[in-house]
PDB file of N, CA and C in Angstrom:
ATOM      1  N   MET A   1       1.892   2.057  20.777  1.00  0.00           N
ATOM      2  CA  MET A   1       1.707   1.225  19.598  1.00  0.00           C
ATOM      3  C   MET A   1       1.836   2.090  18.346  1.00  0.00           C
ATOM      4  N   PRO A   2       2.392   1.539  17.292  1.00  0.00           N
ATOM      5  CA  PRO A   2       2.497   2.310  16.046  1.00  0.00           C
ATOM      6  C   PRO A   2       1.114   2.536  15.439  1.00  0.00           C
ATOM      7  N   GLU A   3       1.032   3.550  14.587  1.00  0.00           N
ATOM      8  CA  GLU A   3      -0.244   3.886  13.961  1.00  0.00           C
ATOM      9  C   GLU A   3      -0.694   2.794  12.998  1.00  0.00           C
ATOM     10  N   ARG A   4       0.259   2.169  12.302  1.00  0.00           N
ATOM     11  CA  ARG A   4      -0.075   1.132  11.337  1.00  0.00           C
ATOM     12  C   ARG A   4       0.745  -0.121  11.637  1.00  0.00           C
ATOM     13  N   LEU A   5       0.069  -1.250  11.749  1.00  0.00           N
ATOM     14  CA  LEU A   5       0.736  -2.518  11.989  1.00  0.00           C
ATOM     15  C   LEU A   5       0.947  -3.238  10.670  1.00  0.00           C
ATOM     16  N   THR A   6       2.071  -3.897  10.530  1.00  0.00           N
ATOM     17  CA  THR A   6       2.334  -4.718   9.361  1.00  0.00           C
ATOM     18  C   THR A   6       2.234  -6.173   9.806  1.00  0.00           C
ATOM     19  N   VAL A   7       1.357  -6.917   9.149  1.00  0.00           N
ATOM     20  CA  VAL A   7       1.124  -8.306   9.511  1.00  0.00           C
ATOM     21  C   VAL A   7       1.955  -9.195   8.596  1.00  0.00           C
ATOM     22  N   THR A   8       2.706 -10.100   9.189  1.00  0.00           N
ATOM     23  CA  THR A   8       3.529 -11.022   8.405  1.00  0.00           C
ATOM     24  C   THR A   8       2.640 -12.094   7.778  1.00  0.00           C
ATOM     25  N   PRO A   9       3.114 -12.756   6.723  1.00  0.00           N
ATOM     26  CA  PRO A   9       2.322 -13.833   6.112  1.00  0.00           C
ATOM     27  C   PRO A   9       1.951 -14.940   7.103  1.00  0.00           C
ATOM     28  N   GLN A  10       2.845 -15.240   8.016  1.00  0.00           N
ATOM     29  CA  GLN A  10       2.562 -16.272   9.022  1.00  0.00           C
ATOM     30  C   GLN A  10       1.427 -15.825   9.939  1.00  0.00           C
ATOM     31  N   GLU A  11       1.456 -14.561  10.395  1.00  0.00           N
ATOM     32  CA  GLU A  11       0.388 -14.037  11.239  1.00  0.00           C
ATOM     33  C   GLU A  11      -0.938 -13.991  10.477  1.00  0.00           C
ATOM     34  N   ARG A  12      -0.845 -13.658   9.214  1.00  0.00           N
ATOM     35  CA  ARG A  12      -2.041 -13.589   8.370  1.00  0.00           C
ATOM     36  C   ARG A  12      -2.703 -14.960   8.246  1.00  0.00           C
ATOM     37  N   ARG A  13      -1.903 -16.003   7.994  1.00  0.00           N
ATOM     38  CA  ARG A  13      -2.444 -17.365   7.906  1.00  0.00           C
ATOM     39  C   ARG A  13      -3.082 -17.789   9.218  1.00  0.00           C
ATOM     40  N   ARG A  14      -2.446 -17.409  10.308  1.00  0.00           N
ATOM     41  CA  ARG A  14      -2.980 -17.751  11.631  1.00  0.00           C
ATOM     42  C   ARG A  14      -4.320 -17.059  11.886  1.00  0.00           C
ATOM     43  N   LEU A  15      -4.402 -15.771  11.525  1.00  0.00           N
ATOM     44  CA  LEU A  15      -5.666 -15.047  11.674  1.00  0.00           C
ATOM     45  C   LEU A  15      -6.757 -15.662  10.810  1.00  0.00           C
ATOM     46  N   LEU A  16      -6.410 -16.062   9.578  1.00  0.00           N
ATOM     47  CA  LEU A  16      -7.382 -16.692   8.687  1.00  0.00           C
ATOM     48  C   LEU A  16      -7.873 -18.021   9.257  1.00  0.00           C
ATOM     49  N   ARG A  17      -6.951 -18.798   9.804  1.00  0.00           N
ATOM     50  CA  ARG A  17      -7.322 -20.110  10.345  1.00  0.00           C
ATOM     51  C   ARG A  17      -8.282 -19.972  11.531  1.00  0.00           C
ATOM     52  N   PHE A  18      -7.949 -19.088  12.468  1.00  0.00           N
ATOM     53  CA  PHE A  18      -8.803 -18.941  13.646  1.00  0.00           C
ATOM     54  C   PHE A  18     -10.054 -18.111  13.365  1.00  0.00           C
ATOM     55  N   GLY A  19      -9.942 -17.130  12.485  1.00  0.00           N
ATOM     56  CA  GLY A  19     -11.074 -16.270  12.187  1.00  0.00           C
ATOM     57  C   GLY A  19     -12.143 -16.934  11.359  1.00  0.00           C
ATOM     58  N   SER A  20     -11.756 -17.843  10.486  1.00  0.00           N
ATOM     59  CA  SER A  20     -12.725 -18.528   9.635  1.00  0.00           C
ATOM     60  C   SER A  20     -13.679 -19.389  10.457  1.00  0.00           C
ATOM     61  N   VAL A  21     -13.210 -19.906  11.564  1.00  0.00           N
ATOM     62  CA  VAL A  21     -14.044 -20.737  12.435  1.00  0.00           C
ATOM     63  C   VAL A  21     -15.167 -19.905  13.058  1.00  0.00           C
ATOM     64  N   LEU A  22     -14.888 -18.645  13.349  1.00  0.00           N
ATOM     65  CA  LEU A  22     -15.863 -17.790  14.032  1.00  0.00           C
ATOM     66  C   LEU A  22     -16.967 -17.274  13.108  1.00  0.00           C
ATOM     67  N   GLY A  23     -16.709 -17.223  11.821  1.00  0.00           N
ATOM     68  CA  GLY A  23     -17.715 -16.734  10.875  1.00  0.00           C
ATOM     69  C   GLY A  23     -17.973 -15.248  11.040  1.00  0.00           C
ATOM     70  N   THR A  24     -19.260 -14.840  11.003  1.00  0.00           N
ATOM     71  CA  THR A  24     -19.602 -13.412  11.082  1.00  0.00           C
ATOM     72  C   THR A  24     -19.434 -12.841  12.490  1.00  0.00           C
ATOM     73  N   LYS A  25     -19.312 -13.692  13.510  1.00  0.00           N
ATOM     74  CA  LYS A  25     -19.080 -13.201  14.878  1.00  0.00           C
ATOM     75  C   LYS A  25     -17.728 -12.500  14.993  1.00  0.00           C
ATOM     76  N   LEU A  26     -16.864 -12.807  14.057  1.00  0.00           N
ATOM     77  CA  LEU A  26     -15.530 -12.189  14.040  1.00  0.00           C
ATOM     78  C   LEU A  26     -15.620 -10.675  13.891  1.00  0.00           C
ATOM     79  N   LYS A  27     -16.680 -10.213  13.226  1.00  0.00           N
ATOM     80  CA  LYS A  27     -16.867  -8.780  12.988  1.00  0.00           C
ATOM     81  C   LYS A  27     -16.838  -7.989  14.305  1.00  0.00           C
ATOM     82  N   ASP A  28     -17.353  -8.568  15.380  1.00  0.00           N
ATOM     83  CA  ASP A  28     -17.383  -7.897  16.683  1.00  0.00           C
ATOM     84  C   ASP A  28     -16.069  -8.036  17.451  1.00  0.00           C
ATOM     85  N   LEU A  29     -15.261  -9.025  17.101  1.00  0.00           N
ATOM     86  CA  LEU A  29     -14.043  -9.307  17.862  1.00  0.00           C
ATOM     87  C   LEU A  29     -12.767  -8.754  17.255  1.00  0.00           C
ATOM     88  N   ILE A  30     -12.727  -8.641  15.960  1.00  0.00           N
ATOM     89  CA  ILE A  30     -11.470  -8.313  15.283  1.00  0.00           C
ATOM     90  C   ILE A  30     -11.077  -6.854  15.530  1.00  0.00           C
ATOM     91  N   THR A  31      -9.816  -6.643  15.885  1.00  0.00           N
ATOM     92  CA  THR A  31      -9.331  -5.279  16.132  1.00  0.00           C
ATOM     93  C   THR A  31      -8.007  -4.998  15.429  1.00  0.00           C
ATOM     94  N   ILE A  32      -7.286  -6.029  15.033  1.00  0.00           N
ATOM     95  CA  ILE A  32      -5.974  -5.834  14.411  1.00  0.00           C
ATOM     96  C   ILE A  32      -6.125  -5.279  13.006  1.00  0.00           C
ATOM     97  N   VAL A  33      -7.069  -5.844  12.235  1.00  0.00           N
ATOM     98  CA  VAL A  33      -7.360  -5.370  10.882  1.00  0.00           C
ATOM     99  C   VAL A  33      -8.872  -5.199  10.765  1.00  0.00           C
ATOM    100  N   SER A  34      -9.312  -4.483   9.745  1.00  0.00           N
ATOM    101  CA  SER A  34     -10.756  -4.324   9.558  1.00  0.00           C
ATOM    102  C   SER A  34     -11.358  -5.637   9.059  1.00  0.00           C
ATOM    103  N   TYR A  35     -12.651  -5.780   9.259  1.00  0.00           N
ATOM    104  CA  TYR A  35     -13.334  -6.990   8.833  1.00  0.00           C
ATOM    105  C   TYR A  35     -13.261  -7.137   7.309  1.00  0.00           C
ATOM    106  N   ARG A  36     -13.356  -6.010   6.587  1.00  0.00           N
ATOM    107  CA  ARG A  36     -13.259  -6.046   5.120  1.00  0.00           C
ATOM    108  C   ARG A  36     -11.885  -6.546   4.682  1.00  0.00           C
ATOM    109  N   THR A  37     -10.839  -6.150   5.383  1.00  0.00           N
ATOM    110  CA  THR A  37      -9.494  -6.633   5.065  1.00  0.00           C
ATOM    111  C   THR A  37      -9.418  -8.138   5.276  1.00  0.00           C
ATOM    112  N   PHE A  38     -10.002  -8.602   6.368  1.00  0.00           N
ATOM    113  CA  PHE A  38     -10.025 -10.037   6.641  1.00  0.00           C
ATOM    114  C   PHE A  38     -10.724 -10.792   5.509  1.00  0.00           C
ATOM    115  N   LEU A  39     -11.864 -10.267   5.056  1.00  0.00           N
ATOM    116  CA  LEU A  39     -12.599 -10.913   3.963  1.00  0.00           C
ATOM    117  C   LEU A  39     -11.791 -10.900   2.671  1.00  0.00           C
ATOM    118  N   ARG A  40     -11.054  -9.823   2.410  1.00  0.00           N
ATOM    119  CA  ARG A  40     -10.198  -9.745   1.223  1.00  0.00           C
ATOM    120  C   ARG A  40      -9.091 -10.787   1.301  1.00  0.00           C
ATOM    121  N   TRP A  41      -8.490 -10.929   2.485  1.00  0.00           N
ATOM    122  CA  TRP A  41      -7.454 -11.942   2.684  1.00  0.00           C
ATOM    123  C   TRP A  41      -8.017 -13.334   2.436  1.00  0.00           C
ATOM    124  N   LYS A  42      -9.222 -13.553   2.945  1.00  0.00           N
ATOM    125  CA  LYS A  42      -9.864 -14.854   2.804  1.00  0.00           C
ATOM    126  C   LYS A  42     -10.104 -15.167   1.321  1.00  0.00           C
ATOM    127  N   GLN A  43     -10.578 -14.179   0.571  1.00  0.00           N
ATOM    128  CA  GLN A  43     -10.827 -14.356  -0.859  1.00  0.00           C
ATOM    129  C   GLN A  43      -9.524 -14.626  -1.611  1.00  0.00           C
ATOM    130  N   SER A  44      -8.478 -13.867  -1.325  1.00  0.00           N
ATOM    131  CA  SER A  44      -7.216 -14.068  -2.030  1.00  0.00           C
ATOM    132  C   SER A  44      -6.578 -15.398  -1.639  1.00  0.00           C
ATOM    133  N   ASP A  45      -6.854 -15.866  -0.432  1.00  0.00           N
ATOM    134  CA  ASP A  45      -6.349 -17.166   0.001  1.00  0.00           C
ATOM    135  C   ASP A  45      -7.020 -18.281  -0.802  1.00  0.00           C
ATOM    136  N   ARG A  46      -8.307 -18.101  -1.104  1.00  0.00           N
ATOM    137  CA  ARG A  46      -9.034 -19.093  -1.899  1.00  0.00           C
ATOM    138  C   ARG A  46      -8.548 -19.117  -3.346  1.00  0.00           C
ATOM    139  N   THR A  47      -8.277 -17.947  -3.906  1.00  0.00           N
ATOM    140  CA  THR A  47      -7.867 -17.877  -5.307  1.00  0.00           C
ATOM    141  C   THR A  47      -6.397 -18.230  -5.490  1.00  0.00           C
ATOM    142  N   GLY A  48      -5.605 -18.170  -4.421  1.00  0.00           N
ATOM    143  CA  GLY A  48      -4.202 -18.533  -4.500  1.00  0.00           C
ATOM    144  C   GLY A  48      -3.291 -17.414  -4.972  1.00  0.00           C
ATOM    145  N   ARG A  49      -3.834 -16.177  -5.083  1.00  0.00           N
ATOM    146  CA  ARG A  49      -2.985 -15.054  -5.496  1.00  0.00           C
ATOM    147  C   ARG A  49      -2.097 -14.620  -4.340  1.00  0.00           C
ATOM    148  N   PRO A  50      -0.845 -14.278  -4.612  1.00  0.00           N
ATOM    149  CA  PRO A  50       0.019 -13.797  -3.535  1.00  0.00           C
ATOM    150  C   PRO A  50      -0.411 -12.396  -3.109  1.00  0.00           C
ATOM    151  N   PRO A  51      -0.208 -12.030  -1.836  1.00  0.00           N
ATOM    152  CA  PRO A  51      -0.603 -10.707  -1.367  1.00  0.00           C
ATOM    153  C   PRO A  51       0.235  -9.608  -2.017  1.00  0.00           C
ATOM    154  N   ARG A  52      -0.397  -8.459  -2.232  1.00  0.00           N
ATOM    155  CA  ARG A  52       0.315  -7.321  -2.809  1.00  0.00           C
ATOM    156  C   ARG A  52       1.198  -6.686  -1.756  1.00  0.00           C
ATOM    157  N   GLY A  53       2.257  -6.042  -2.221  1.00  0.00           N
ATOM    158  CA  GLY A  53       3.122  -5.314  -1.314  1.00  0.00           C
ATOM    159  C   GLY A  53       2.440  -4.029  -0.863  1.00  0.00           C
ATOM    160  N   ALA A  54       2.794  -3.558   0.297  1.00  0.00           N
ATOM    161  CA  ALA A  54       2.194  -2.338   0.824  1.00  0.00           C
ATOM    162  C   ALA A  54       2.833  -1.118   0.181  1.00  0.00           C
ATOM    163  N   GLY A  55       2.042  -0.087  -0.024  1.00  0.00           N
ATOM    164  CA  GLY A  55       2.568   1.177  -0.511  1.00  0.00           C
ATOM    165  C   GLY A  55       2.543   1.331  -2.018  1.00  0.00           C
ATOM    166  N   ARG A  56       3.040   2.458  -2.437  1.00  0.00           N
ATOM    167  CA  ARG A  56       3.063   2.813  -3.852  1.00  0.00           C
ATOM    168  C   ARG A  56       4.268   2.172  -4.540  1.00  0.00           C
ATOM    169  N   PRO A  57       4.112   1.742  -5.801  1.00  0.00           N
ATOM    170  CA  PRO A  57       5.259   1.161  -6.515  1.00  0.00           C
ATOM    171  C   PRO A  57       6.386   2.179  -6.670  1.00  0.00           C
ATOM    172  N   ARG A  58       7.616   1.709  -6.667  1.00  0.00           N
ATOM    173  CA  ARG A  58       8.769   2.596  -6.791  1.00  0.00           C
ATOM    174  C   ARG A  58       8.845   3.192  -8.187  1.00  0.00           C
ATOM    175  N   THR A  59       9.389   4.399  -8.268  1.00  0.00           N
ATOM    176  CA  THR A  59       9.658   5.042  -9.551  1.00  0.00           C
ATOM    177  C   THR A  59      10.900   4.387 -10.141  1.00  0.00           C
ATOM    178  N   THR A  60      10.880   4.125 -11.434  1.00  0.00           N
ATOM    179  CA  THR A  60      12.022   3.449 -12.059  1.00  0.00           C
ATOM    180  C   THR A  60      13.256   4.353 -12.018  1.00  0.00           C
ATOM    181  N   GLN A  61      14.407   3.722 -12.031  1.00  0.00           N
ATOM    182  CA  GLN A  61      15.666   4.469 -11.973  1.00  0.00           C
ATOM    183  C   GLN A  61      15.818   5.359 -13.200  1.00  0.00           C
ATOM    184  N   ALA A  62      15.367   4.886 -14.369  1.00  0.00           N
ATOM    185  CA  ALA A  62      15.478   5.681 -15.598  1.00  0.00           C
ATOM    186  C   ALA A  62      14.680   6.984 -15.480  1.00  0.00           C
ATOM    187  N   LEU A  63      13.491   6.909 -14.906  1.00  0.00           N
ATOM    188  CA  LEU A  63      12.674   8.107 -14.735  1.00  0.00           C
ATOM    189  C   LEU A  63      13.297   9.062 -13.719  1.00  0.00           C
ATOM    190  N   ARG A  64      13.842   8.519 -12.643  1.00  0.00           N
ATOM    191  CA  ARG A  64      14.508   9.376 -11.644  1.00  0.00           C
ATOM    192  C   ARG A  64      15.714  10.080 -12.255  1.00  0.00           C
ATOM    193  N   ASP A  65      16.496   9.368 -13.058  1.00  0.00           N
ATOM    194  CA  ASP A  65      17.658   9.970 -13.718  1.00  0.00           C
ATOM    195  C   ASP A  65      17.230  11.084 -14.678  1.00  0.00           C
ATOM    196  N   LEU A  66      16.138  10.848 -15.411  1.00  0.00           N
ATOM    197  CA  LEU A  66      15.637  11.854 -16.342  1.00  0.00           C
ATOM    198  C   LEU A  66      15.197  13.124 -15.608  1.00  0.00           C
ATOM    199  N   ILE A  67      14.521  12.976 -14.483  1.00  0.00           N
ATOM    200  CA  ILE A  67      14.071  14.134 -13.704  1.00  0.00           C
ATOM    201  C   ILE A  67      15.261  14.933 -13.191  1.00  0.00           C
ATOM    202  N   VAL A  68      16.277  14.231 -12.705  1.00  0.00           N
ATOM    203  CA  VAL A  68      17.476  14.914 -12.205  1.00  0.00           C
ATOM    204  C   VAL A  68      18.179  15.634 -13.351  1.00  0.00           C
ATOM    205  N   LYS A  69      18.248  15.008 -14.513  1.00  0.00           N
ATOM    206  CA  LYS A  69      18.904  15.611 -15.676  1.00  0.00           C
ATOM    207  C   LYS A  69      18.178  16.890 -16.101  1.00  0.00           C
ATOM    208  N   ILE A  70      16.853  16.828 -16.164  1.00  0.00           N
ATOM    209  CA  ILE A  70      16.068  18.019 -16.539  1.00  0.00           C
ATOM    210  C   ILE A  70      16.276  19.134 -15.522  1.00  0.00           C
ATOM    211  N   ALA A  71      16.278  18.787 -14.254  1.00  0.00           N
ATOM    212  CA  ALA A  71      16.466  19.801 -13.206  1.00  0.00           C
ATOM    213  C   ALA A  71      17.847  20.446 -13.310  1.00  0.00           C
ATOM    214  N   GLN A  72      18.863  19.656 -13.609  1.00  0.00           N
ATOM    215  CA  GLN A  72      20.219  20.196 -13.700  1.00  0.00           C
ATOM    216  C   GLN A  72      20.393  21.063 -14.948  1.00  0.00           C
ATOM    217  N   GLU A  73      19.792  20.655 -16.064  1.00  0.00           N
ATOM    218  CA  GLU A  73      19.970  21.400 -17.305  1.00  0.00           C
ATOM    219  C   GLU A  73      19.154  22.685 -17.350  1.00  0.00           C
ATOM    220  N   THR A  74      17.994  22.687 -16.761  1.00  0.00           N
ATOM    221  CA  THR A  74      17.124  23.859 -16.827  1.00  0.00           C
ATOM    222  C   THR A  74      17.244  24.755 -15.610  1.00  0.00           C
ATOM    223  N   GLY A  75      17.746  24.211 -14.520  1.00  0.00           N
ATOM    224  CA  GLY A  75      17.829  24.994 -13.292  1.00  0.00           C
ATOM    225  C   GLY A  75      16.497  25.059 -12.547  1.00  0.00           C
ATOM    226  N   TRP A  76      15.514  24.359 -13.067  1.00  0.00           N
ATOM    227  CA  TRP A  76      14.206  24.347 -12.428  1.00  0.00           C
ATOM    228  C   TRP A  76      14.158  23.248 -11.387  1.00  0.00           C
ATOM    229  N   GLY A  77      13.751  23.596 -10.189  1.00  0.00           N
ATOM    230  CA  GLY A  77      13.563  22.610  -9.133  1.00  0.00           C
ATOM    231  C   GLY A  77      12.108  22.195  -9.057  1.00  0.00           C
ATOM    232  N   TYR A  78      11.796  21.387  -8.121  1.00  0.00           N
ATOM    233  CA  TYR A  78      10.444  20.871  -7.937  1.00  0.00           C
ATOM    234  C   TYR A  78       9.435  21.991  -7.738  1.00  0.00           C
ATOM    235  N   VAL A  79       9.729  22.947  -6.861  1.00  0.00           N
ATOM    236  CA  VAL A  79       8.789  24.019  -6.536  1.00  0.00           C
ATOM    237  C   VAL A  79       8.477  24.861  -7.772  1.00  0.00           C
ATOM    238  N   ARG A  80       9.481  25.158  -8.566  1.00  0.00           N
ATOM    239  CA  ARG A  80       9.264  25.997  -9.730  1.00  0.00           C
ATOM    240  C   ARG A  80       8.414  25.285 -10.784  1.00  0.00           C
ATOM    241  N   ARG A  81       8.620  23.995 -10.991  1.00  0.00           N
ATOM    242  CA  ARG A  81       7.827  23.249 -11.960  1.00  0.00           C
ATOM    243  C   ARG A  81       6.369  23.183 -11.533  1.00  0.00           C
ATOM    244  N   VAL A  82       6.117  22.954 -10.267  1.00  0.00           N
ATOM    245  CA  VAL A  82       4.744  22.889  -9.769  1.00  0.00           C
ATOM    246  C   VAL A  82       4.083  24.242  -9.897  1.00  0.00           C
ATOM    247  N   THR A  83       4.782  25.326  -9.547  1.00  0.00           N
ATOM    248  CA  THR A  83       4.221  26.667  -9.639  1.00  0.00           C
ATOM    249  C   THR A  83       3.923  27.019 -11.079  1.00  0.00           C
ATOM    250  N   ALA A  84       4.799  26.662 -11.998  1.00  0.00           N
ATOM    251  CA  ALA A  84       4.588  26.975 -13.405  1.00  0.00           C
ATOM    252  C   ALA A  84       3.335  26.289 -13.940  1.00  0.00           C
ATOM    253  N   ARG A  85       3.027  25.116 -13.439  1.00  0.00           N
ATOM    254  CA  ARG A  85       1.843  24.412 -13.865  1.00  0.00           C
ATOM    255  C   ARG A  85       0.565  25.052 -13.318  1.00  0.00           C
ATOM    256  N   LEU A  86       0.640  25.601 -12.127  1.00  0.00           N
ATOM    257  CA  LEU A  86      -0.533  26.168 -11.475  1.00  0.00           C
ATOM    258  C   LEU A  86      -0.909  27.538 -12.004  1.00  0.00           C
ATOM    259  N   ILE A  87       0.062  28.297 -12.465  1.00  0.00           N
ATOM    260  CA  ILE A  87      -0.177  29.666 -12.932  1.00  0.00           C
ATOM    261  C   ILE A  87      -0.404  29.639 -14.441  1.00  0.00           C
ATOM    262  N   PRO A  88      -1.610  30.019 -14.915  1.00  0.00           N
ATOM    263  CA  PRO A  88      -1.852  30.034 -16.356  1.00  0.00           C
ATOM    264  C   PRO A  88      -1.057  31.148 -17.024  1.00  0.00           C
ATOM    265  N   VAL A  89      -0.589  30.888 -18.223  1.00  0.00           N
ATOM    266  CA  VAL A  89       0.221  31.871 -18.938  1.00  0.00           C
ATOM    267  C   VAL A  89      -0.650  32.719 -19.823  1.00  0.00           C
TER     268      VAL A  89
END
């Protein structure tokens, strides 16, 4: 089994439908997601907010282009920039 499972919206609705009937007894039965995650899903289902996407937001293309431009013009790569920040002058 993979380390992290991704639950589809359909599976999520199904878990909410069956899990809500069980109430707090679900805490002992649930293994796919944590009980706190289930409660968060339940709350967001009540408020009608769409679920957030997993992971960190993407870096904009403009910022990526700027980083590449700076690296090409200065000759500094990632390692050198990080090292320069760590070593006080």
